[in-house]
Amino acid sequence: MTETNRLSAAPARQLTGLAALLCLSFATALTGCSSFNTSNFNASSVNPVNWITPYRVDIIQGNFVSKEQVAALKAGMTRAQVKDTLGTPLLSSLFHQDRWDYVFTLNRQGTEPQSFKYTVFFKGDLLERFEGDTMPSDAEFIATLANGRKLGKVPVLEATEEQLKAAEKPSLSQAASGKAGATTPAANLPATAAPVVYPPLESVTR
């Protein structure tokens, strides 16, 4: 073999070795893909819709009985007085007319459902005894409904004596001014202006 033939055969052998190396790498990649277990792949984990938690409204069922309402109960109250204090019972059976059940449930997103039950017993038309769960106060119940939201300061619904007196002063001054205006003599009233007379558009005589 001449020197020229040996030089031309060297690049050909290098290309053949490079092609074999590429084929081996490609085969290894295919083997790795075929060994991938698709049964363990959860498509829902990459679904953006599953990343969003939908908002669920608070579900309130039954009659809420506060701690203050329970404290107002006294043995010997009539049925009408108990209903005015606690409200209409959720459960009132014809077969148990001497028993009223007040049941209240609250389901909120991200928290465990809360359930409260209170029962009153009558003897005839009068309240005999009452028992049930430890009921939350009005403030505690409002804080539960807030659900992390910042509520504004609750306004005072009852006016003080100073506020009532301050509100009476403008009313008295307005009443006095109205009375003075009603007793004003007619002489002090401004005179009305004389009516303006305009000439006719056409002459009366022809």
N, C-alpha and C. Protein backbone atom coordinates (compact mmCIF):
# COMPACT_ATOMS: atom_id res chain seq x y z
N MET A 1 0.86 -1.19 0.00
CA MET A 1 0.00 0.00 0.00
C MET A 1 0.89 1.23 0.00
N THR A 2 0.58 2.13 -0.79
CA THR A 2 1.40 3.34 -0.91
C THR A 2 1.12 4.28 0.25
N GLU A 3 1.96 5.27 0.37
CA GLU A 3 1.80 6.25 1.46
C GLU A 3 0.52 7.04 1.30
N THR A 4 0.15 7.29 0.07
CA THR A 4 -1.08 8.08 -0.18
C THR A 4 -2.30 7.31 0.23
N ASN A 5 -2.36 6.01 -0.04
CA ASN A 5 -3.53 5.20 0.35
C ASN A 5 -3.65 5.09 1.87
N ARG A 6 -2.50 5.00 2.56
CA ARG A 6 -2.57 4.92 4.02
C ARG A 6 -3.12 6.22 4.62
N LEU A 7 -2.74 7.34 4.07
CA LEU A 7 -3.24 8.63 4.58
C LEU A 7 -4.73 8.80 4.34
N SER A 8 -5.23 8.32 3.21
CA SER A 8 -6.66 8.46 2.91
C SER A 8 -7.51 7.49 3.72
N ALA A 9 -6.98 6.35 4.15
CA ALA A 9 -7.74 5.37 4.92
C ALA A 9 -7.86 5.76 6.38
N ALA A 10 -6.95 6.58 6.90
CA ALA A 10 -7.00 6.97 8.32
C ALA A 10 -8.24 7.78 8.67
N PRO A 11 -8.61 8.83 7.89
CA PRO A 11 -9.84 9.55 8.23
C PRO A 11 -11.08 8.68 8.13
N ALA A 12 -11.09 7.72 7.20
CA ALA A 12 -12.26 6.85 7.06
C ALA A 12 -12.45 6.00 8.30
N ARG A 13 -11.36 5.49 8.88
CA ARG A 13 -11.47 4.69 10.10
C ARG A 13 -11.94 5.54 11.28
N GLN A 14 -11.52 6.78 11.33
CA GLN A 14 -11.96 7.67 12.41
C GLN A 14 -13.45 7.95 12.32
N LEU A 15 -13.97 8.15 11.11
CA LEU A 15 -15.41 8.39 10.93
C LEU A 15 -16.22 7.17 11.31
N THR A 16 -15.69 5.99 10.97
CA THR A 16 -16.41 4.76 11.31
C THR A 16 -16.49 4.57 12.82
N GLY A 17 -15.39 4.83 13.52
CA GLY A 17 -15.40 4.72 14.99
C GLY A 17 -16.34 5.73 15.64
N LEU A 18 -16.41 6.96 15.09
CA LEU A 18 -17.31 7.98 15.63
C LEU A 18 -18.76 7.59 15.44
N ALA A 19 -19.09 7.01 14.28
CA ALA A 19 -20.46 6.58 14.02
C ALA A 19 -20.86 5.45 14.96
N ALA A 20 -19.93 4.53 15.23
CA ALA A 20 -20.24 3.43 16.15
C ALA A 20 -20.49 3.95 17.56
N LEU A 21 -19.71 4.96 17.98
CA LEU A 21 -19.90 5.54 19.30
C LEU A 21 -21.26 6.22 19.42
N LEU A 22 -21.68 6.93 18.37
CA LEU A 22 -22.98 7.58 18.38
C LEU A 22 -24.11 6.57 18.44
N CYS A 23 -23.98 5.48 17.69
CA CYS A 23 -25.02 4.45 17.71
C CYS A 23 -25.14 3.81 19.09
N LEU A 24 -23.99 3.59 19.76
CA LEU A 24 -24.01 3.00 21.09
C LEU A 24 -24.69 3.93 22.09
N SER A 25 -24.41 5.24 22.00
CA SER A 25 -25.04 6.21 22.90
C SER A 25 -26.54 6.26 22.69
N PHE A 26 -26.97 6.22 21.43
CA PHE A 26 -28.40 6.27 21.10
C PHE A 26 -29.12 5.04 21.63
N ALA A 27 -28.47 3.87 21.51
CA ALA A 27 -29.09 2.64 22.02
C ALA A 27 -29.22 2.68 23.53
N THR A 28 -28.21 3.22 24.21
CA THR A 28 -28.28 3.33 25.68
C THR A 28 -29.43 4.23 26.11
N ALA A 29 -29.63 5.35 25.37
CA ALA A 29 -30.73 6.26 25.70
C ALA A 29 -32.08 5.60 25.51
N LEU A 30 -32.23 4.81 24.45
CA LEU A 30 -33.49 4.11 24.22
C LEU A 30 -33.76 3.08 25.31
N THR A 31 -32.71 2.42 25.77
CA THR A 31 -32.88 1.43 26.84
C THR A 31 -33.35 2.10 28.13
N GLY A 32 -32.81 3.28 28.43
CA GLY A 32 -33.24 4.00 29.63
C GLY A 32 -34.69 4.46 29.54
N CYS A 33 -35.12 4.89 28.35
CA CYS A 33 -36.51 5.33 28.17
C CYS A 33 -37.47 4.16 28.32
N SER A 34 -37.07 3.00 27.81
CA SER A 34 -37.97 1.84 27.89
C SER A 34 -38.10 1.33 29.30
N SER A 35 -37.10 1.58 30.16
CA SER A 35 -37.17 1.12 31.55
C SER A 35 -37.95 2.07 32.44
N PHE A 36 -38.42 3.22 31.91
CA PHE A 36 -39.19 4.19 32.71
C PHE A 36 -40.57 3.63 32.98
N ASN A 37 -40.95 3.57 34.22
CA ASN A 37 -42.25 3.01 34.61
C ASN A 37 -43.30 4.10 34.55
N THR A 38 -44.14 4.05 33.55
CA THR A 38 -45.19 5.06 33.40
C THR A 38 -46.34 4.86 34.36
N SER A 39 -46.41 3.68 34.99
CA SER A 39 -47.52 3.44 35.91
C SER A 39 -47.40 4.29 37.17
N ASN A 40 -46.17 4.68 37.52
CA ASN A 40 -45.98 5.52 38.70
C ASN A 40 -46.10 7.00 38.40
N PHE A 41 -46.33 7.34 37.16
CA PHE A 41 -46.42 8.76 36.78
C PHE A 41 -47.84 9.24 37.01
N ASN A 42 -47.98 10.30 37.76
CA ASN A 42 -49.28 10.88 38.05
C ASN A 42 -49.43 12.16 37.26
N ALA A 43 -50.29 12.12 36.26
CA ALA A 43 -50.46 13.30 35.40
C ALA A 43 -51.13 14.44 36.14
N SER A 44 -51.90 14.13 37.16
CA SER A 44 -52.59 15.19 37.88
C SER A 44 -51.63 16.07 38.66
N SER A 45 -50.42 15.54 38.97
CA SER A 45 -49.46 16.34 39.73
C SER A 45 -48.90 17.50 38.92
N VAL A 46 -48.96 17.41 37.62
CA VAL A 46 -48.45 18.48 36.77
C VAL A 46 -49.58 19.28 36.15
N ASN A 47 -50.81 19.02 36.56
CA ASN A 47 -51.95 19.77 36.04
C ASN A 47 -52.13 21.04 36.85
N PRO A 48 -52.00 22.23 36.24
CA PRO A 48 -52.12 23.47 37.03
C PRO A 48 -53.47 23.63 37.70
N VAL A 49 -54.51 23.01 37.17
CA VAL A 49 -55.83 23.15 37.78
C VAL A 49 -55.86 22.58 39.19
N ASN A 50 -55.08 21.51 39.42
CA ASN A 50 -55.06 20.89 40.74
C ASN A 50 -54.28 21.70 41.76
N TRP A 51 -53.57 22.71 41.33
CA TRP A 51 -52.84 23.55 42.27
C TRP A 51 -53.75 24.60 42.91
N ILE A 52 -54.92 24.84 42.33
CA ILE A 52 -55.82 25.89 42.80
C ILE A 52 -56.84 25.27 43.74
N THR A 53 -56.95 25.80 44.94
CA THR A 53 -57.94 25.33 45.89
C THR A 53 -59.20 26.18 45.77
N PRO A 54 -60.33 25.61 45.41
CA PRO A 54 -61.55 26.42 45.25
C PRO A 54 -62.03 26.94 46.59
N TYR A 55 -62.67 28.12 46.55
CA TYR A 55 -63.21 28.73 47.77
C TYR A 55 -64.54 28.08 48.12
N ARG A 56 -64.70 27.73 49.36
CA ARG A 56 -65.93 27.14 49.85
C ARG A 56 -66.52 28.04 50.92
N VAL A 57 -67.80 28.36 50.75
CA VAL A 57 -68.46 29.26 51.69
C VAL A 57 -68.70 28.53 53.01
N ASP A 58 -68.83 29.32 54.06
CA ASP A 58 -69.15 28.74 55.37
C ASP A 58 -70.60 28.27 55.37
N ILE A 59 -70.82 27.07 55.86
CA ILE A 59 -72.15 26.49 55.93
C ILE A 59 -72.59 26.50 57.39
N ILE A 60 -73.65 27.25 57.67
CA ILE A 60 -74.19 27.37 59.02
C ILE A 60 -75.58 26.77 59.03
N GLN A 61 -75.81 25.83 59.91
CA GLN A 61 -77.10 25.16 60.00
C GLN A 61 -77.56 25.14 61.45
N GLY A 62 -78.86 25.31 61.61
CA GLY A 62 -79.44 25.22 62.95
C GLY A 62 -79.59 26.57 63.62
N ASN A 63 -79.82 26.54 64.92
CA ASN A 63 -80.03 27.73 65.73
C ASN A 63 -78.82 27.93 66.63
N PHE A 64 -78.18 29.07 66.48
CA PHE A 64 -77.03 29.37 67.34
C PHE A 64 -77.54 29.87 68.68
N VAL A 65 -77.08 29.25 69.75
CA VAL A 65 -77.41 29.65 71.12
C VAL A 65 -76.12 30.08 71.78
N SER A 66 -76.06 31.32 72.20
CA SER A 66 -74.83 31.85 72.77
C SER A 66 -74.77 31.58 74.28
N LYS A 67 -73.61 31.85 74.81
CA LYS A 67 -73.38 31.68 76.24
C LYS A 67 -74.25 32.64 77.04
N GLU A 68 -74.44 33.85 76.50
CA GLU A 68 -75.26 34.84 77.18
C GLU A 68 -76.73 34.42 77.21
N GLN A 69 -77.20 33.78 76.15
CA GLN A 69 -78.58 33.32 76.12
C GLN A 69 -78.81 32.20 77.14
N VAL A 70 -77.85 31.30 77.25
CA VAL A 70 -77.98 30.21 78.22
C VAL A 70 -78.01 30.77 79.64
N ALA A 71 -77.21 31.81 79.89
CA ALA A 71 -77.17 32.40 81.23
C ALA A 71 -78.50 33.06 81.59
N ALA A 72 -79.29 33.43 80.58
CA ALA A 72 -80.58 34.07 80.85
C ALA A 72 -81.69 33.08 81.17
N LEU A 73 -81.44 31.78 80.99
CA LEU A 73 -82.46 30.78 81.29
C LEU A 73 -82.62 30.61 82.80
N LYS A 74 -83.87 30.46 83.21
CA LYS A 74 -84.18 30.23 84.61
C LYS A 74 -85.31 29.22 84.69
N ALA A 75 -85.21 28.33 85.65
CA ALA A 75 -86.28 27.36 85.86
C ALA A 75 -87.58 28.08 86.21
N GLY A 76 -88.66 27.61 85.64
CA GLY A 76 -89.96 28.24 85.86
C GLY A 76 -90.39 29.16 84.74
N MET A 77 -89.52 29.40 83.76
CA MET A 77 -89.91 30.24 82.62
C MET A 77 -90.93 29.50 81.76
N THR A 78 -91.81 30.25 81.12
CA THR A 78 -92.80 29.65 80.24
C THR A 78 -92.17 29.29 78.91
N ARG A 79 -92.90 28.52 78.12
CA ARG A 79 -92.40 28.15 76.79
C ARG A 79 -92.19 29.38 75.92
N ALA A 80 -93.11 30.34 76.03
CA ALA A 80 -92.98 31.56 75.24
C ALA A 80 -91.73 32.33 75.63
N GLN A 81 -91.43 32.38 76.92
CA GLN A 81 -90.23 33.10 77.37
C GLN A 81 -88.96 32.39 76.91
N VAL A 82 -88.96 31.06 76.93
CA VAL A 82 -87.80 30.32 76.45
C VAL A 82 -87.60 30.54 74.97
N LYS A 83 -88.69 30.56 74.20
CA LYS A 83 -88.57 30.79 72.76
C LYS A 83 -88.09 32.20 72.47
N ASP A 84 -88.53 33.17 73.27
CA ASP A 84 -88.02 34.54 73.09
C ASP A 84 -86.54 34.63 73.42
N THR A 85 -86.06 33.80 74.33
CA THR A 85 -84.66 33.86 74.76
C THR A 85 -83.74 33.09 73.82
N LEU A 86 -84.14 31.88 73.46
CA LEU A 86 -83.27 31.01 72.64
C LEU A 86 -83.67 30.95 71.18
N GLY A 87 -84.87 31.35 70.85
CA GLY A 87 -85.34 31.22 69.48
C GLY A 87 -86.13 29.93 69.29
N THR A 88 -86.53 29.70 68.05
CA THR A 88 -87.31 28.51 67.74
C THR A 88 -86.41 27.28 67.74
N PRO A 89 -86.79 26.21 68.41
CA PRO A 89 -85.94 25.01 68.44
C PRO A 89 -85.86 24.34 67.08
N LEU A 90 -84.71 23.74 66.80
CA LEU A 90 -84.54 23.04 65.54
C LEU A 90 -85.30 21.73 65.54
N LEU A 91 -85.35 21.04 66.68
CA LEU A 91 -86.04 19.76 66.79
C LEU A 91 -87.10 19.86 67.87
N SER A 92 -88.33 19.60 67.46
CA SER A 92 -89.45 19.59 68.40
C SER A 92 -90.41 18.50 67.95
N SER A 93 -90.39 17.37 68.63
CA SER A 93 -91.16 16.20 68.22
C SER A 93 -92.52 16.19 68.92
N LEU A 94 -93.51 15.68 68.20
CA LEU A 94 -94.83 15.52 68.79
C LEU A 94 -94.84 14.46 69.88
N PHE A 95 -93.91 13.52 69.80
CA PHE A 95 -93.83 12.45 70.79
C PHE A 95 -93.02 12.86 72.01
N HIS A 96 -92.30 13.99 71.92
CA HIS A 96 -91.53 14.50 73.06
C HIS A 96 -91.82 16.00 73.17
N GLN A 97 -93.04 16.32 73.53
CA GLN A 97 -93.45 17.71 73.58
C GLN A 97 -92.82 18.47 74.74
N ASP A 98 -92.30 17.76 75.72
CA ASP A 98 -91.68 18.42 76.86
C ASP A 98 -90.17 18.61 76.67
N ARG A 99 -89.70 18.47 75.43
CA ARG A 99 -88.26 18.58 75.17
C ARG A 99 -88.04 19.37 73.89
N TRP A 100 -87.15 20.36 73.97
CA TRP A 100 -86.74 21.12 72.79
C TRP A 100 -85.23 20.95 72.61
N ASP A 101 -84.82 20.68 71.39
CA ASP A 101 -83.39 20.51 71.07
C ASP A 101 -82.94 21.63 70.15
N TYR A 102 -81.87 22.28 70.55
CA TYR A 102 -81.25 23.33 69.74
C TYR A 102 -79.91 22.78 69.24
N VAL A 103 -79.80 22.58 67.94
CA VAL A 103 -78.60 22.01 67.32
C VAL A 103 -78.03 23.05 66.36
N PHE A 104 -76.72 23.23 66.44
CA PHE A 104 -76.05 24.22 65.59
C PHE A 104 -74.75 23.62 65.07
N THR A 105 -74.54 23.68 63.76
CA THR A 105 -73.32 23.17 63.13
C THR A 105 -72.72 24.26 62.24
N LEU A 106 -71.39 24.26 62.17
CA LEU A 106 -70.66 25.24 61.37
C LEU A 106 -69.55 24.51 60.63
N ASN A 107 -69.60 24.55 59.30
CA ASN A 107 -68.57 23.94 58.46
C ASN A 107 -67.82 25.05 57.73
N ARG A 108 -66.51 25.13 57.99
CA ARG A 108 -65.68 26.15 57.37
C ARG A 108 -64.53 25.48 56.65
N GLN A 109 -64.07 26.14 55.60
CA GLN A 109 -62.96 25.60 54.82
C GLN A 109 -61.67 25.63 55.63
N GLY A 110 -60.98 24.50 55.65
CA GLY A 110 -59.70 24.42 56.34
C GLY A 110 -59.79 24.13 57.82
N THR A 111 -60.99 23.96 58.37
CA THR A 111 -61.15 23.67 59.79
C THR A 111 -62.09 22.49 59.97
N GLU A 112 -62.02 21.90 61.14
CA GLU A 112 -62.90 20.79 61.45
C GLU A 112 -64.32 21.31 61.69
N PRO A 113 -65.34 20.55 61.27
CA PRO A 113 -66.72 20.99 61.52
C PRO A 113 -66.99 21.11 63.02
N GLN A 114 -67.72 22.14 63.38
CA GLN A 114 -68.07 22.39 64.78
C GLN A 114 -69.56 22.11 64.96
N SER A 115 -69.91 21.47 66.06
CA SER A 115 -71.29 21.12 66.34
C SER A 115 -71.59 21.39 67.81
N PHE A 116 -72.73 22.05 68.06
CA PHE A 116 -73.16 22.36 69.42
C PHE A 116 -74.62 21.91 69.58
N LYS A 117 -74.93 21.43 70.76
CA LYS A 117 -76.28 20.97 71.05
C LYS A 117 -76.68 21.39 72.45
N TYR A 118 -77.90 21.92 72.55
CA TYR A 118 -78.43 22.31 73.85
C TYR A 118 -79.89 21.88 73.92
N THR A 119 -80.29 21.35 75.07
CA THR A 119 -81.63 20.79 75.24
C THR A 119 -82.29 21.40 76.47
N VAL A 120 -83.55 21.77 76.31
CA VAL A 120 -84.34 22.28 77.44
C VAL A 120 -85.51 21.33 77.67
N PHE A 121 -85.86 21.15 78.93
CA PHE A 121 -86.94 20.23 79.32
C PHE A 121 -88.02 21.02 80.06
N PHE A 122 -89.25 20.72 79.73
CA PHE A 122 -90.40 21.39 80.33
C PHE A 122 -91.20 20.39 81.17
N LYS A 123 -91.89 20.94 82.12
CA LYS A 123 -92.88 20.19 82.88
C LYS A 123 -94.19 20.95 82.76
N GLY A 124 -95.00 20.46 81.83
CA GLY A 124 -96.19 21.22 81.48
C GLY A 124 -95.81 22.39 80.59
N ASP A 125 -96.08 23.60 81.05
CA ASP A 125 -95.73 24.80 80.28
C ASP A 125 -94.53 25.53 80.87
N LEU A 126 -93.95 24.99 81.93
CA LEU A 126 -92.85 25.68 82.61
C LEU A 126 -91.54 24.93 82.39
N LEU A 127 -90.45 25.71 82.33
CA LEU A 127 -89.11 25.15 82.14
C LEU A 127 -88.66 24.45 83.42
N GLU A 128 -88.28 23.18 83.27
CA GLU A 128 -87.85 22.40 84.43
C GLU A 128 -86.33 22.38 84.56
N ARG A 129 -85.62 22.05 83.48
CA ARG A 129 -84.16 22.00 83.52
C ARG A 129 -83.63 22.16 82.09
N PHE A 130 -82.32 22.37 82.00
CA PHE A 130 -81.68 22.55 80.69
C PHE A 130 -80.25 22.08 80.79
N GLU A 131 -79.72 21.54 79.71
CA GLU A 131 -78.37 20.99 79.68
C GLU A 131 -77.88 20.95 78.24
N GLY A 132 -76.55 20.82 78.10
CA GLY A 132 -75.97 20.73 76.76
C GLY A 132 -74.50 21.07 76.76
N ASP A 133 -73.98 21.35 75.57
CA ASP A 133 -72.57 21.67 75.40
C ASP A 133 -72.26 23.05 75.95
N THR A 134 -70.98 23.30 76.14
CA THR A 134 -70.53 24.64 76.54
C THR A 134 -70.60 25.54 75.31
N MET A 135 -71.51 26.47 75.33
CA MET A 135 -71.76 27.30 74.17
C MET A 135 -70.78 28.47 74.12
N PRO A 136 -70.37 28.89 72.92
CA PRO A 136 -69.48 30.05 72.80
C PRO A 136 -70.25 31.35 73.03
N SER A 137 -69.52 32.37 73.39
CA SER A 137 -70.13 33.68 73.56
C SER A 137 -70.35 34.33 72.20
N ASP A 138 -71.07 35.44 72.21
CA ASP A 138 -71.31 36.16 70.95
C ASP A 138 -70.00 36.62 70.32
N ALA A 139 -69.09 37.12 71.16
CA ALA A 139 -67.80 37.60 70.63
C ALA A 139 -66.99 36.46 70.03
N GLU A 140 -67.01 35.30 70.69
CA GLU A 140 -66.27 34.15 70.17
C GLU A 140 -66.87 33.66 68.85
N PHE A 141 -68.18 33.69 68.76
CA PHE A 141 -68.83 33.25 67.52
C PHE A 141 -68.53 34.20 66.38
N ILE A 142 -68.53 35.50 66.64
CA ILE A 142 -68.20 36.48 65.60
C ILE A 142 -66.76 36.32 65.16
N ALA A 143 -65.85 36.05 66.12
CA ALA A 143 -64.45 35.83 65.76
C ALA A 143 -64.29 34.58 64.91
N THR A 144 -65.13 33.58 65.15
CA THR A 144 -65.08 32.36 64.33
C THR A 144 -65.52 32.64 62.91
N LEU A 145 -66.55 33.45 62.75
CA LEU A 145 -67.03 33.78 61.41
C LEU A 145 -66.08 34.70 60.67
N ALA A 146 -65.24 35.45 61.41
CA ALA A 146 -64.31 36.37 60.75
C ALA A 146 -63.37 35.63 59.83
N ASN A 147 -62.94 34.42 60.22
CA ASN A 147 -62.10 33.57 59.36
C ASN A 147 -60.82 34.27 58.93
N GLY A 148 -60.19 34.97 59.86
CA GLY A 148 -58.93 35.64 59.54
C GLY A 148 -59.09 37.04 58.98
N ARG A 149 -60.32 37.45 58.67
CA ARG A 149 -60.53 38.79 58.14
C ARG A 149 -60.51 39.79 59.28
N LYS A 150 -59.97 40.96 59.01
CA LYS A 150 -59.92 42.01 60.01
C LYS A 150 -61.22 42.80 59.96
N LEU A 151 -61.94 42.76 61.06
CA LEU A 151 -63.20 43.47 61.15
C LEU A 151 -62.96 44.83 61.78
N GLY A 152 -63.73 45.81 61.33
CA GLY A 152 -63.63 47.13 61.89
C GLY A 152 -64.18 47.19 63.30
N LYS A 153 -63.94 48.28 63.96
CA LYS A 153 -64.42 48.45 65.32
C LYS A 153 -65.93 48.54 65.32
N VAL A 154 -66.54 47.78 66.20
CA VAL A 154 -68.01 47.77 66.27
C VAL A 154 -68.46 49.09 66.87
N PRO A 155 -69.35 49.84 66.19
CA PRO A 155 -69.79 51.13 66.71
C PRO A 155 -70.68 50.95 67.94
N VAL A 156 -70.66 51.96 68.80
CA VAL A 156 -71.52 51.95 69.98
C VAL A 156 -72.93 52.30 69.55
N LEU A 157 -73.87 51.41 69.86
CA LEU A 157 -75.25 51.60 69.41
C LEU A 157 -76.10 52.36 70.42
N GLU A 158 -75.54 52.73 71.56
CA GLU A 158 -76.29 53.46 72.59
C GLU A 158 -75.61 54.80 72.82
N ALA A 159 -76.41 55.88 72.73
CA ALA A 159 -75.86 57.22 72.89
C ALA A 159 -75.74 57.56 74.38
N THR A 160 -74.72 58.36 74.70
CA THR A 160 -74.53 58.81 76.07
C THR A 160 -75.43 60.01 76.36
N GLU A 161 -75.49 60.40 77.64
CA GLU A 161 -76.32 61.55 78.01
C GLU A 161 -75.80 62.84 77.38
N GLU A 162 -74.47 62.98 77.29
CA GLU A 162 -73.90 64.18 76.66
C GLU A 162 -74.29 64.26 75.19
N GLN A 163 -74.27 63.11 74.49
CA GLN A 163 -74.65 63.12 73.08
C GLN A 163 -76.13 63.44 72.90
N LEU A 164 -76.97 62.94 73.81
CA LEU A 164 -78.40 63.25 73.72
C LEU A 164 -78.67 64.73 73.97
N LYS A 165 -77.97 65.32 74.95
CA LYS A 165 -78.15 66.75 75.22
C LYS A 165 -77.65 67.59 74.05
N ALA A 166 -76.52 67.17 73.44
CA ALA A 166 -76.00 67.92 72.29
C ALA A 166 -76.95 67.83 71.11
N ALA A 167 -77.66 66.71 70.97
CA ALA A 167 -78.60 66.58 69.87
C ALA A 167 -79.88 67.36 70.12
N GLU A 168 -80.23 67.61 71.40
CA GLU A 168 -81.45 68.35 71.71
C GLU A 168 -81.28 69.85 71.48
N LYS A 169 -80.06 70.37 71.63
CA LYS A 169 -79.85 71.82 71.49
C LYS A 169 -80.20 72.33 70.10
N PRO A 170 -79.73 71.70 68.99
CA PRO A 170 -80.15 72.19 67.67
C PRO A 170 -81.65 72.09 67.45
N SER A 171 -82.28 71.08 68.00
CA SER A 171 -83.72 70.92 67.82
C SER A 171 -84.47 72.05 68.52
N LEU A 172 -84.02 72.42 69.74
CA LEU A 172 -84.67 73.51 70.46
C LEU A 172 -84.47 74.84 69.76
N SER A 173 -83.26 75.06 69.21
CA SER A 173 -83.00 76.33 68.51
C SER A 173 -83.82 76.42 67.24
N GLN A 174 -83.97 75.31 66.52
CA GLN A 174 -84.79 75.32 65.31
C GLN A 174 -86.26 75.55 65.64
N ALA A 175 -86.72 74.96 66.73
CA ALA A 175 -88.12 75.17 67.12
C ALA A 175 -88.36 76.62 67.52
N ALA A 176 -87.39 77.22 68.23
CA ALA A 176 -87.54 78.62 68.63
C ALA A 176 -87.54 79.55 67.42
N SER A 177 -86.66 79.30 66.46
CA SER A 177 -86.62 80.14 65.27
C SER A 177 -87.89 79.99 64.45
N GLY A 178 -88.45 78.79 64.39
CA GLY A 178 -89.70 78.60 63.66
C GLY A 178 -90.86 79.30 64.34
N LYS A 179 -90.88 79.29 65.67
CA LYS A 179 -91.94 79.98 66.40
C LYS A 179 -91.84 81.48 66.24
N ALA A 180 -90.60 81.99 66.24
CA ALA A 180 -90.41 83.44 66.05
C ALA A 180 -90.83 83.85 64.65
N GLY A 181 -90.55 83.04 63.68
CA GLY A 181 -90.95 83.37 62.32
C GLY A 181 -92.45 83.36 62.15
N ALA A 182 -93.14 82.48 62.90
CA ALA A 182 -94.60 82.43 62.78
C ALA A 182 -95.25 83.63 63.41
N THR A 183 -94.63 84.27 64.45
CA THR A 183 -95.21 85.43 65.13
C THR A 183 -94.71 86.75 64.57
N THR A 184 -93.99 86.76 63.46
CA THR A 184 -93.50 88.00 62.87
C THR A 184 -94.68 88.80 62.32
N PRO A 185 -94.84 90.08 62.69
CA PRO A 185 -95.98 90.86 62.17
C PRO A 185 -95.87 91.07 60.67
N ALA A 186 -97.04 91.31 60.08
CA ALA A 186 -97.09 91.49 58.63
C ALA A 186 -96.40 92.77 58.19
N ALA A 187 -96.30 93.75 59.12
CA ALA A 187 -95.66 95.01 58.75
C ALA A 187 -94.18 94.83 58.48
N ASN A 188 -93.58 93.85 59.12
CA ASN A 188 -92.15 93.63 58.93
C ASN A 188 -91.83 92.83 57.68
N LEU A 189 -92.86 92.27 57.05
CA LEU A 189 -92.62 91.50 55.86
C LEU A 189 -92.30 92.41 54.69
N PRO A 190 -91.42 92.03 53.80
CA PRO A 190 -91.10 92.89 52.65
C PRO A 190 -92.31 93.02 51.72
N ALA A 191 -92.49 94.26 51.19
CA ALA A 191 -93.61 94.53 50.28
C ALA A 191 -93.38 93.82 48.96
N THR A 192 -94.46 93.29 48.43
CA THR A 192 -94.35 92.61 47.14
C THR A 192 -94.24 93.62 46.02
N ALA A 193 -93.49 93.31 45.00
CA ALA A 193 -93.30 94.22 43.87
C ALA A 193 -94.57 94.30 43.04
N ALA A 194 -94.83 95.51 42.46
CA ALA A 194 -96.03 95.70 41.63
C ALA A 194 -95.88 94.92 40.34
N PRO A 195 -96.98 94.39 39.82
CA PRO A 195 -96.89 93.62 38.57
C PRO A 195 -96.49 94.51 37.40
N VAL A 196 -95.74 93.98 36.49
CA VAL A 196 -95.27 94.72 35.32
C VAL A 196 -96.32 94.60 34.22
N VAL A 197 -96.73 95.77 33.64
CA VAL A 197 -97.74 95.81 32.57
C VAL A 197 -97.02 96.08 31.26
N TYR A 198 -97.20 95.21 30.28
CA TYR A 198 -96.57 95.36 28.98
C TYR A 198 -97.59 95.91 27.98
N PRO A 199 -97.19 96.78 27.02
CA PRO A 199 -98.12 97.32 26.00
C PRO A 199 -98.54 96.23 25.03
N PRO A 200 -99.71 96.37 24.42
CA PRO A 200 -100.17 95.35 23.45
C PRO A 200 -99.25 95.28 22.24
N LEU A 201 -99.20 94.13 21.60
CA LEU A 201 -98.34 93.95 20.43
C LEU A 201 -98.87 94.71 19.22
N GLU A 202 -100.17 94.86 19.09
CA GLU A 202 -100.77 95.58 17.96
C GLU A 202 -101.60 96.74 18.48
N SER A 203 -101.71 97.76 17.67
CA SER A 203 -102.48 98.92 18.07
C SER A 203 -103.97 98.57 18.06
N VAL A 204 -104.71 99.12 19.02
CA VAL A 204 -106.14 98.82 19.11
C VAL A 204 -106.90 99.47 17.96
N THR A 205 -106.53 100.75 17.60
CA THR A 205 -107.20 101.48 16.51
C THR A 205 -106.54 101.17 15.19
N ARG A 206 -107.28 101.18 14.15
CA ARG A 206 -106.76 100.96 12.81
C ARG A 206 -106.83 102.27 12.00
